Amino acid sequence: MAVVGANGHGRWHRRVIAPLHAAGRLRLVALVDVRPVEDEPDAPVPPGIGVFTDHRAMLAVSRPEVVVICTPPHTHLPIARDALAAGADLLLEKPPVLSLAEHEELTGALAAAGRVAQVGFQALGSAALTALTDALAAGRLGTVSGIATVAAWQRPDAYYARSPWAGRRSVDGRPVLDGALANPLAHAVMQCLAVAEALSGAPPWPTAIEVERYRVRPIEVEDTAVLRVRFRAGPPVLAAVTLAAEEFVAGEVVVTGTAGRAVLEYPTDRLRLPGDVVTRRVPGRRGLLENLLAHRADPAGATLIAPLARTAPFTALLDALRAAPEPRLLDGDLVDVGGDGGERVRHLRGVVDVLRRAAERGRCRVSWRCRGRCRRTARSWRDRGRRQPECKHRPDSSGPHRTDPRIPDPRRSGQCRSSPTTATFLHTVHIDSRKSANLPFLVTAEPPPANGKNRCAESSPPLR
């Protein structure tokens, strides 16, 4: 076995591999990284292990039978192709690829090589998820009307400085999509897709996607989002997530039916079903690497937990995100900032309540409250160059000001203090469900209604 991308999250894989190597269940032969391999106290590099800076050189020398690929998402496909050509099976970090075209290409490469790929959605191995889907099959929730997830995490500025591709939409013209939905909170979305799969009996193919994407710092992707997915059949999925939370919500998957509601906390394998008095932990999570090894030994007896084909609906969602415009910036009074340097964090005020309301309603179009009072409501800031009414809240409010991009606009900064307002920036994607790959789709952006009484929380321009 070899690990390509031995630093960063690759250290987690090394910790998983270490006891299996010590027990003789596998033999680690090589580590690859473009930087010097970092020490990992819980997984020291065994003697005689090859250390490389190029995966092709490693494949030629070490000839591993299994390759863990834990590199930036936009590098997955070329490295996977090379590993498959060398005859290796794959444990491929999520997201496996970033488009349906890449998904189709990798599927073809797997078939041509006669190899398999397990994708790093480790929460799919949860015994609690299995208990939930068993309850659905037994009818304990009745007819399911909705599937939703809420996850509220926090990431400091250092998180977005960890690598050149962090927080980027693309690098050198290649999609990266390092946002909350595609990377750290992708597990929340995939758990919902797994529940939808259990209800339909097959991977649920999305037919329409609505997404609102926001950010609280100058990055190219979302750190806060509400995503709604409709399928060919079955209830919709609503994902409401943030990396700018005031309070921590590990990750809840809520399934609502006519006979009750179930809540799965997927990172901790805790589950509450209808009739349960308390939430209980369900032990027995299966590891993806051990499952892959078992499948290699007995393909018929050990089904892969997260084969590439199972992740196709997730990749369809990434295709939608690739086409969506830049996320809307929320700042000013909507955001609290604390800490210094790389540990500086930005909290989006009231975001957990907003996300929970979206999950309960099962729909997008969230509302952000703009605090305080403004003497007058500014005109639409799209009318650049026109005079605007004086805003009492501005420190320099000695007279009217213009919407010059160099001058802070009270509505853009969140400092305009008046009544609650909707700051929705909704993107709708309609997918042609008659085709299974390279799906064409139409993206339409629906900015906030122009006839509202106040638009002071708008933070970025609508599509032109």
Protein backbone atom coordinates (compact mmCIF):
# COMPACT_ATOMS: atom_id res chain seq x y z
CA MET A 1 0.00 0.00 0.00
CA ALA A 2 1.07 3.58 -0.69
CA VAL A 3 -0.24 6.98 0.36
CA VAL A 4 -0.12 9.85 -2.13
CA GLY A 5 -0.54 13.07 -0.16
CA ALA A 6 1.08 11.98 3.11
CA ASN A 7 0.82 15.36 4.85
CA GLY A 8 -2.28 17.29 5.90
CA HIS A 9 -5.28 14.98 5.99
CA GLY A 10 -2.96 12.24 4.76
CA ARG A 11 -1.69 11.98 8.34
CA TRP A 12 -5.15 10.74 9.33
CA HIS A 13 -4.84 7.97 6.76
CA ARG A 14 -1.40 7.11 8.09
CA ARG A 15 -2.88 6.73 11.57
CA VAL A 16 -5.48 4.33 10.16
CA ILE A 17 -2.84 2.35 8.29
CA ALA A 18 -0.32 2.08 11.17
CA PRO A 19 -2.11 -0.59 13.30
CA LEU A 20 -3.00 -2.61 10.20
CA HIS A 21 0.64 -2.53 9.11
CA ALA A 22 1.77 -3.55 12.60
CA ALA A 23 -0.74 -6.44 12.62
CA GLY A 24 0.46 -7.68 9.24
CA ARG A 25 -2.88 -7.08 7.53
CA LEU A 26 -1.19 -4.83 4.98
CA ARG A 27 2.31 -3.58 4.21
CA LEU A 28 2.92 0.12 3.76
CA VAL A 29 5.58 0.49 1.07
CA ALA A 30 5.65 4.18 0.15
CA LEU A 31 4.65 7.72 1.06
CA VAL A 32 4.41 10.53 -1.47
CA ASP A 33 4.20 14.27 -0.94
CA VAL A 34 5.55 17.33 -2.68
CA ARG A 35 6.76 18.59 0.73
CA PRO A 36 8.92 16.76 3.26
CA VAL A 37 6.84 14.13 5.03
CA GLU A 38 5.77 15.43 8.43
CA ASP A 39 6.24 13.43 11.61
CA GLU A 40 3.13 11.77 12.98
CA PRO A 41 3.61 10.49 16.56
CA ASP A 42 0.77 7.96 16.23
CA ALA A 43 2.02 6.70 12.89
CA PRO A 44 5.82 6.86 12.64
CA VAL A 45 7.26 6.03 9.24
CA PRO A 46 8.30 2.34 9.35
CA PRO A 47 11.88 1.46 8.44
CA GLY A 48 12.49 0.82 4.78
CA ILE A 49 9.51 2.81 3.53
CA GLY A 50 10.09 4.63 0.28
CA VAL A 51 9.50 8.38 0.43
CA PHE A 52 8.86 10.14 -2.87
CA THR A 53 7.91 13.56 -4.19
CA ASP A 54 6.42 12.22 -7.44
CA HIS A 55 3.67 9.59 -7.55
CA ARG A 56 4.74 8.27 -10.95
CA ALA A 57 8.23 7.49 -9.67
CA MET A 58 6.68 5.77 -6.66
CA LEU A 59 4.38 3.63 -8.82
CA ALA A 60 7.31 2.54 -10.98
CA VAL A 61 9.52 1.61 -8.01
CA SER A 62 7.17 0.38 -5.27
CA ARG A 63 4.35 -1.20 -7.36
CA PRO A 64 1.65 -0.91 -4.64
CA GLU A 65 -1.56 -2.92 -4.90
CA VAL A 66 -3.63 -0.25 -3.15
CA VAL A 67 -3.09 3.52 -3.36
CA VAL A 68 -4.62 6.06 -1.00
CA ILE A 69 -5.05 9.37 -2.84
CA CYS A 70 -5.30 12.29 -0.44
CA THR A 71 -4.26 15.22 -2.60
CA PRO A 72 -6.06 18.43 -3.66
CA PRO A 73 -9.39 17.54 -5.35
CA HIS A 74 -8.38 18.88 -8.77
CA THR A 75 -5.44 16.43 -8.86
CA HIS A 76 -7.46 13.29 -8.07
CA LEU A 77 -8.29 12.21 -11.61
CA PRO A 78 -4.78 12.26 -13.16
CA ILE A 79 -3.23 10.52 -10.14
CA ALA A 80 -6.04 7.94 -10.13
CA ARG A 81 -5.50 7.25 -13.83
CA ASP A 82 -1.81 6.62 -13.24
CA ALA A 83 -2.47 4.36 -10.23
CA LEU A 84 -5.05 2.33 -12.17
CA ALA A 85 -2.65 1.95 -15.09
CA ALA A 86 -0.13 0.54 -12.60
CA GLY A 87 -2.71 -2.06 -11.48
CA ALA A 88 -3.70 -0.60 -8.11
CA ASP A 89 -7.07 -0.33 -6.39
CA LEU A 90 -7.92 3.07 -4.94
CA LEU A 91 -9.00 4.66 -1.69
CA LEU A 92 -9.86 8.10 -3.05
CA GLU A 93 -10.53 11.04 -0.76
CA LYS A 94 -13.74 13.00 -1.19
CA PRO A 95 -14.74 14.68 -3.32
CA PRO A 96 -13.58 11.97 -5.75
CA VAL A 97 -13.83 14.23 -8.81
CA LEU A 98 -15.33 17.64 -9.53
CA SER A 99 -17.61 17.06 -12.52
CA LEU A 100 -19.80 14.42 -14.09
CA ALA A 101 -17.47 14.30 -17.07
CA GLU A 102 -14.56 13.41 -14.76
CA HIS A 103 -16.78 10.91 -12.96
CA GLU A 104 -17.58 9.22 -16.27
CA GLU A 105 -13.91 9.17 -17.26
CA LEU A 106 -12.84 7.63 -13.96
CA THR A 107 -15.63 5.05 -14.18
CA GLY A 108 -14.34 4.03 -17.60
CA ALA A 109 -10.76 3.83 -16.35
CA LEU A 110 -11.81 1.57 -13.47
CA ALA A 111 -13.67 -0.74 -15.83
CA ALA A 112 -10.78 -0.86 -18.30
CA ALA A 113 -8.26 -1.68 -15.56
CA GLY A 114 -10.53 -4.13 -13.74
CA ARG A 115 -9.91 -2.25 -10.49
CA VAL A 116 -12.14 -0.70 -7.80
CA ALA A 117 -12.28 2.64 -6.02
CA GLN A 118 -13.55 3.32 -2.53
CA VAL A 119 -14.38 6.99 -1.89
CA GLY A 120 -13.53 8.60 1.45
CA PHE A 121 -17.06 9.19 2.75
CA GLN A 122 -16.26 7.37 5.98
CA ALA A 123 -19.55 8.27 7.67
CA LEU A 124 -21.27 5.86 5.26
CA GLY A 125 -19.76 3.06 7.35
CA SER A 126 -21.73 4.20 10.39
CA ALA A 127 -23.78 1.55 12.17
CA ALA A 128 -26.08 4.38 13.25
CA LEU A 129 -26.81 5.15 9.58
CA THR A 130 -27.62 1.47 9.03
CA ALA A 131 -29.94 1.51 12.06
CA LEU A 132 -31.69 4.57 10.62
CA THR A 133 -32.19 3.04 7.19
CA ASP A 134 -33.39 -0.21 8.81
CA ALA A 135 -35.99 1.83 10.73
CA LEU A 136 -37.10 3.45 7.48
CA ALA A 137 -37.47 0.03 5.84
CA ALA A 138 -39.52 -1.17 8.81
CA GLY A 139 -41.88 1.79 8.49
CA ARG A 140 -41.14 3.33 11.88
CA LEU A 141 -41.29 6.84 10.43
CA GLY A 142 -44.25 6.23 8.14
CA THR A 143 -44.15 8.05 4.84
CA VAL A 144 -41.05 10.25 4.70
CA SER A 145 -41.72 13.83 3.66
CA GLY A 146 -38.30 15.40 4.11
CA ILE A 147 -34.60 14.82 4.70
CA ALA A 148 -32.48 17.64 6.09
CA THR A 149 -29.09 18.24 7.64
CA VAL A 150 -27.74 21.04 9.80
CA ALA A 151 -24.02 21.38 10.53
CA ALA A 152 -22.37 24.42 12.09
CA TRP A 153 -18.58 24.41 12.38
CA GLN A 154 -15.92 27.07 12.73
CA ARG A 155 -12.77 27.57 10.67
CA PRO A 156 -10.13 30.25 11.48
CA ASP A 157 -8.24 32.31 8.93
CA ALA A 158 -5.38 29.79 9.07
CA TYR A 159 -7.68 27.17 7.51
CA TYR A 160 -7.88 29.25 4.36
CA ALA A 161 -4.12 29.76 4.31
CA ARG A 162 -3.27 26.07 4.64
CA SER A 163 -2.54 25.62 0.93
CA PRO A 164 -2.64 27.55 -2.37
CA TRP A 165 -6.00 25.96 -3.25
CA ALA A 166 -7.72 26.57 0.10
CA GLY A 167 -10.91 28.57 -0.27
CA ARG A 168 -10.45 28.73 -4.03
CA ARG A 169 -12.98 28.15 -6.76
CA SER A 170 -10.27 27.28 -9.28
CA VAL A 171 -6.50 27.15 -9.59
CA ASP A 172 -4.77 27.76 -12.92
CA GLY A 173 -8.09 27.38 -14.69
CA ARG A 174 -8.89 24.04 -13.05
CA PRO A 175 -11.92 23.76 -10.73
CA VAL A 176 -11.16 23.22 -7.03
CA LEU A 177 -14.44 24.15 -5.26
CA ASP A 178 -12.93 24.15 -1.77
CA GLY A 179 -16.14 25.27 -0.10
CA ALA A 180 -18.19 23.99 2.82
CA LEU A 181 -20.45 21.82 0.65
CA ALA A 182 -17.70 20.14 -1.36
CA ASN A 183 -15.11 19.60 1.36
CA PRO A 184 -15.50 19.66 5.18
CA LEU A 185 -19.30 19.31 5.27
CA ALA A 186 -19.62 17.07 2.24
CA HIS A 187 -20.27 14.20 4.66
CA ALA A 188 -23.49 15.90 5.82
CA VAL A 189 -24.74 16.07 2.23
CA MET A 190 -23.68 12.51 1.47
CA GLN A 191 -25.47 11.15 4.55
CA CYS A 192 -28.68 12.72 3.29
CA LEU A 193 -28.13 11.20 -0.14
CA ALA A 194 -27.62 7.81 1.55
CA VAL A 195 -30.99 8.15 3.30
CA ALA A 196 -32.63 9.09 -0.01
CA GLU A 197 -30.94 6.06 -1.57
CA ALA A 198 -32.38 3.79 1.13
CA LEU A 199 -35.87 5.10 0.40
CA SER A 200 -35.64 4.69 -3.38
CA GLY A 201 -33.51 1.55 -3.52
CA ALA A 202 -30.94 3.14 -5.86
CA PRO A 203 -28.62 6.16 -5.91
CA PRO A 204 -31.01 9.13 -6.07
CA TRP A 205 -30.51 11.18 -9.19
CA PRO A 206 -31.14 14.93 -8.72
CA THR A 207 -33.44 16.67 -11.17
CA ALA A 208 -33.34 20.18 -9.71
CA ILE A 209 -31.02 21.94 -7.29
CA GLU A 210 -31.48 25.24 -5.46
CA VAL A 211 -28.54 26.72 -3.61
CA GLU A 212 -27.80 29.88 -1.65
CA ARG A 213 -24.12 30.47 -0.97
CA TYR A 214 -22.58 33.02 1.38
CA ARG A 215 -19.14 33.90 2.72
CA VAL A 216 -17.85 36.02 5.60
CA ARG A 217 -14.30 36.56 4.30
CA PRO A 218 -12.73 37.30 0.90
CA ILE A 219 -12.64 33.73 -0.41
CA GLU A 220 -13.93 32.43 -3.73
CA VAL A 221 -16.28 29.75 -2.35
CA GLU A 222 -19.03 29.47 0.24
CA ASP A 223 -18.51 28.99 3.96
CA THR A 224 -22.27 29.09 4.57
CA ALA A 225 -24.89 27.54 2.33
CA VAL A 226 -28.43 26.27 2.04
CA LEU A 227 -28.89 23.58 -0.61
CA ARG A 228 -32.17 21.97 -1.67
CA VAL A 229 -32.21 18.96 -3.98
CA ARG A 230 -35.20 17.38 -5.70
CA PHE A 231 -35.03 13.90 -7.20
CA ARG A 232 -36.81 11.83 -9.79
CA ALA A 233 -38.74 10.22 -6.93
CA GLY A 234 -38.88 10.56 -3.16
CA PRO A 235 -38.66 13.48 -0.76
CA PRO A 236 -36.29 16.41 -1.27
CA VAL A 237 -33.04 16.94 0.64
CA LEU A 238 -32.21 20.21 2.39
CA ALA A 239 -28.64 20.87 3.59
CA ALA A 240 -28.00 23.94 5.77
CA VAL A 241 -24.33 24.28 6.73
CA THR A 242 -21.77 26.83 7.87
CA LEU A 243 -18.11 27.18 8.78
CA ALA A 244 -18.76 30.51 10.54
CA ALA A 245 -20.85 29.37 13.48
CA GLU A 246 -21.28 31.03 16.86
CA GLU A 247 -22.11 27.64 18.37
CA PHE A 248 -21.05 24.15 17.35
CA VAL A 249 -23.47 21.69 15.76
CA ALA A 250 -21.56 18.52 14.90
CA GLY A 251 -23.86 17.50 12.09
CA GLU A 252 -27.47 16.37 12.35
CA VAL A 253 -29.42 14.47 9.72
CA VAL A 254 -33.15 14.89 10.36
CA VAL A 255 -35.64 12.58 8.65
CA THR A 256 -39.29 13.59 9.00
CA GLY A 257 -42.17 11.19 8.39
CA THR A 258 -45.86 10.89 9.08
CA ALA A 259 -45.15 8.69 12.13
CA GLY A 260 -42.36 10.74 13.68
CA ARG A 261 -38.90 12.14 13.25
CA ALA A 262 -35.42 10.60 13.45
CA VAL A 263 -32.21 12.49 14.19
CA LEU A 264 -28.76 11.10 13.34
CA GLU A 265 -25.65 12.94 14.55
CA TYR A 266 -23.39 11.49 11.90
CA PRO A 267 -19.91 12.42 13.26
CA THR A 268 -20.63 10.72 16.61
CA ASP A 269 -22.92 7.87 15.45
CA ARG A 270 -25.67 9.02 17.81
CA LEU A 271 -29.27 8.28 16.84
CA ARG A 272 -32.75 9.05 18.10
CA LEU A 273 -35.70 7.29 16.51
CA PRO A 274 -39.43 7.87 17.08
CA GLY A 275 -40.30 6.62 20.54
CA ASP A 276 -36.74 6.92 21.89
CA VAL A 277 -36.50 8.87 25.12
CA VAL A 278 -32.84 9.80 24.66
CA THR A 279 -30.32 9.89 21.86
CA ARG A 280 -28.15 6.77 21.91
CA ARG A 281 -24.77 6.01 20.43
CA VAL A 282 -24.75 3.10 17.99
CA PRO A 283 -21.31 1.41 17.99
CA GLY A 284 -19.84 -0.57 15.14
CA ARG A 285 -18.64 1.85 12.47
CA ARG A 286 -16.81 0.04 9.66
CA GLY A 287 -13.60 1.55 8.35
CA LEU A 288 -13.33 2.19 4.62
CA LEU A 289 -9.79 0.82 4.32
CA GLU A 290 -10.61 -2.41 6.13
CA ASN A 291 -13.72 -2.77 4.00
CA LEU A 292 -11.64 -2.28 0.84
CA LEU A 293 -9.18 -4.95 1.96
CA ALA A 294 -12.06 -7.33 2.73
CA HIS A 295 -13.56 -6.66 -0.70
CA ARG A 296 -10.27 -7.41 -2.40
CA ALA A 297 -10.13 -10.74 -0.58
CA ASP A 298 -13.80 -11.62 -1.17
CA PRO A 299 -15.56 -9.37 -3.70
CA ALA A 300 -18.85 -11.23 -3.46
CA GLY A 301 -18.92 -11.44 0.30
CA ALA A 302 -17.77 -7.91 1.16
CA THR A 303 -19.53 -5.14 -0.75
CA LEU A 304 -17.78 -1.79 -0.91
CA ILE A 305 -19.29 0.80 1.43
CA ALA A 306 -18.58 3.81 -0.79
CA PRO A 307 -17.91 2.71 -4.37
CA LEU A 308 -17.49 5.44 -6.96
CA ALA A 309 -20.91 4.75 -8.49
CA ARG A 310 -22.62 5.54 -5.18
CA THR A 311 -21.16 9.04 -5.20
CA ALA A 312 -22.48 10.04 -8.65
CA PRO A 313 -25.39 12.10 -7.20
CA PHE A 314 -22.92 14.02 -5.05
CA THR A 315 -20.81 14.77 -8.13
CA ALA A 316 -23.95 16.05 -9.86
CA LEU A 317 -24.29 18.58 -7.05
CA LEU A 318 -20.70 19.70 -7.58
CA ASP A 319 -21.48 20.24 -11.24
CA ALA A 320 -24.18 22.65 -10.14
CA LEU A 321 -21.77 24.49 -7.83
CA ARG A 322 -19.27 24.86 -10.66
CA ALA A 323 -21.82 26.85 -12.63
CA ALA A 324 -23.07 28.99 -9.74
CA PRO A 325 -21.82 32.58 -9.42
CA GLU A 326 -19.56 33.78 -6.63
CA PRO A 327 -21.06 33.50 -3.12
CA ARG A 328 -22.52 36.61 -1.56
CA LEU A 329 -20.37 38.40 1.01
CA LEU A 330 -21.94 39.01 4.43
CA ASP A 331 -20.09 41.42 6.71
CA GLY A 332 -20.55 44.48 8.90
CA ASP A 333 -22.99 44.03 11.77
CA LEU A 334 -23.86 40.53 10.57
CA VAL A 335 -20.38 39.26 11.50
CA ASP A 336 -18.41 39.21 14.76
CA VAL A 337 -14.62 38.90 14.54
CA GLY A 338 -12.40 37.53 17.31
CA GLY A 339 -8.82 36.38 17.76
CA ASP A 340 -5.60 37.42 16.05
CA GLY A 341 -3.50 36.23 13.17
CA GLY A 342 -4.22 32.78 11.86
CA GLU A 343 -6.53 32.08 14.81
CA ARG A 344 -8.87 34.91 13.90
CA VAL A 345 -12.43 33.65 13.47
CA ARG A 346 -15.55 35.21 12.02
CA HIS A 347 -18.95 34.36 13.49
CA LEU A 348 -22.09 34.93 11.45
CA ARG A 349 -24.62 36.18 13.96
CA GLY A 350 -27.64 33.97 14.45
CA VAL A 351 -26.57 31.59 11.71
CA VAL A 352 -27.54 28.41 13.58
CA ASP A 353 -31.10 29.67 14.08
CA VAL A 354 -31.28 30.65 10.42
CA LEU A 355 -30.04 27.23 9.28
CA ARG A 356 -32.38 25.36 11.61
CA ARG A 357 -35.36 27.34 10.33
CA ALA A 358 -34.39 26.52 6.75
CA ALA A 359 -34.09 22.82 7.62
CA GLU A 360 -37.47 22.81 9.38
CA ARG A 361 -39.20 24.52 6.46
CA GLY A 362 -37.40 22.37 3.93
CA ARG A 363 -36.75 25.24 1.57
CA CYS A 364 -34.23 27.91 0.66
CA ARG A 365 -34.60 31.71 0.81
CA VAL A 366 -33.11 32.40 4.22
CA SER A 367 -33.35 35.79 5.91
CA TRP A 368 -30.59 37.72 7.65
CA ARG A 369 -31.53 40.38 10.17
CA CYS A 370 -29.84 43.76 9.73
CA ARG A 371 -29.65 45.31 13.21
CA GLY A 372 -30.29 48.89 14.19
CA ARG A 373 -31.96 51.85 12.50
CA CYS A 374 -31.36 53.89 9.39
CA ARG A 375 -33.05 57.25 8.88
CA ARG A 376 -33.72 56.40 5.26
CA THR A 377 -33.39 53.38 3.04
CA ALA A 378 -30.70 53.64 0.40
CA ARG A 379 -31.51 53.17 -3.24
CA SER A 380 -30.37 50.04 -4.99
CA TRP A 381 -26.60 50.11 -5.08
CA ARG A 382 -26.71 48.77 -8.59
CA ASP A 383 -27.35 52.36 -9.62
CA ARG A 384 -23.69 53.22 -9.40
CA GLY A 385 -22.82 56.89 -9.50
CA ARG A 386 -26.23 58.15 -8.44
CA ARG A 387 -26.69 60.11 -5.25
CA GLN A 388 -28.02 58.19 -2.28
CA PRO A 389 -29.84 59.33 0.84
CA GLU A 390 -27.82 60.13 3.91
CA CYS A 391 -27.37 57.23 6.34
CA LYS A 392 -27.25 58.34 9.98
CA HIS A 393 -25.26 55.27 10.95
CA ARG A 394 -22.27 56.16 8.79
CA PRO A 395 -19.47 57.91 10.69
CA ASP A 396 -19.03 60.28 7.75
CA SER A 397 -22.74 60.96 7.25
CA SER A 398 -22.37 64.71 6.84
CA GLY A 399 -24.15 64.50 3.52
CA PRO A 400 -25.27 62.22 0.74
CA HIS A 401 -22.72 59.83 -0.68
CA ARG A 402 -22.31 57.95 -3.93
CA THR A 403 -22.10 54.22 -4.53
CA ASP A 404 -18.46 54.30 -5.49
CA PRO A 405 -16.98 50.80 -4.94
CA ARG A 406 -14.19 52.42 -2.92
CA ILE A 407 -16.69 53.92 -0.45
CA PRO A 408 -18.32 51.52 2.03
CA ASP A 409 -22.00 51.18 1.27
CA PRO A 410 -24.06 50.75 4.47
CA ARG A 411 -26.15 48.05 2.84
CA ARG A 412 -23.10 46.16 1.56
CA SER A 413 -21.29 46.35 4.89
CA GLY A 414 -24.30 45.29 6.91
CA GLN A 415 -24.13 48.59 8.83
CA CYS A 416 -27.47 49.89 7.55
CA ARG A 417 -29.64 49.52 10.62
CA SER A 418 -33.29 49.08 9.87
CA SER A 419 -36.00 46.43 9.70
CA PRO A 420 -35.32 42.73 9.04
CA THR A 421 -34.62 42.01 5.42
CA THR A 422 -34.13 39.05 3.16
CA ALA A 423 -30.62 38.68 1.77
CA THR A 424 -31.35 35.72 -0.45
CA PHE A 425 -29.27 35.03 -3.52
CA LEU A 426 -30.80 31.87 -4.94
CA HIS A 427 -29.42 29.81 -7.82
CA THR A 428 -31.62 27.15 -9.38
CA VAL A 429 -30.23 24.30 -11.46
CA HIS A 430 -32.53 22.15 -13.60
CA ILE A 431 -30.95 18.86 -14.63
CA ASP A 432 -32.06 16.85 -17.62
CA SER A 433 -32.77 13.53 -15.88
CA ARG A 434 -33.06 11.66 -19.18
CA LYS A 435 -29.31 11.55 -19.52
CA SER A 436 -26.92 9.79 -17.17
CA ALA A 437 -23.63 11.54 -17.86
CA ASN A 438 -22.38 14.89 -19.10
CA LEU A 439 -25.77 16.25 -18.09
CA PRO A 440 -26.65 19.66 -19.51
CA PHE A 441 -28.24 22.03 -17.04
CA LEU A 442 -29.57 25.53 -16.91
CA VAL A 443 -28.47 27.87 -14.15
CA THR A 444 -30.71 30.78 -13.27
CA ALA A 445 -29.99 33.28 -10.54
CA GLU A 446 -32.90 34.73 -8.62
CA PRO A 447 -31.78 37.83 -6.66
CA PRO A 448 -33.93 39.21 -3.82
CA PRO A 449 -37.25 40.72 -4.84
CA ALA A 450 -36.80 44.30 -6.00
CA ASN A 451 -40.10 45.42 -4.53
CA GLY A 452 -39.17 44.79 -0.91
CA LYS A 453 -39.30 47.63 1.60
CA ASN A 454 -35.64 47.33 2.46
CA ARG A 455 -32.63 45.64 0.85
CA CYS A 456 -29.99 46.82 3.28
CA ALA A 457 -28.41 43.39 3.91
CA GLU A 458 -27.53 42.79 0.28
CA SER A 459 -23.81 42.33 0.04
CA SER A 460 -22.94 41.64 -3.58
CA PRO A 461 -24.42 42.53 -6.96
CA PRO A 462 -26.97 40.37 -8.73
CA LEU A 463 -26.00 38.64 -11.92
CA ARG A 464 -25.69 40.84 -14.97
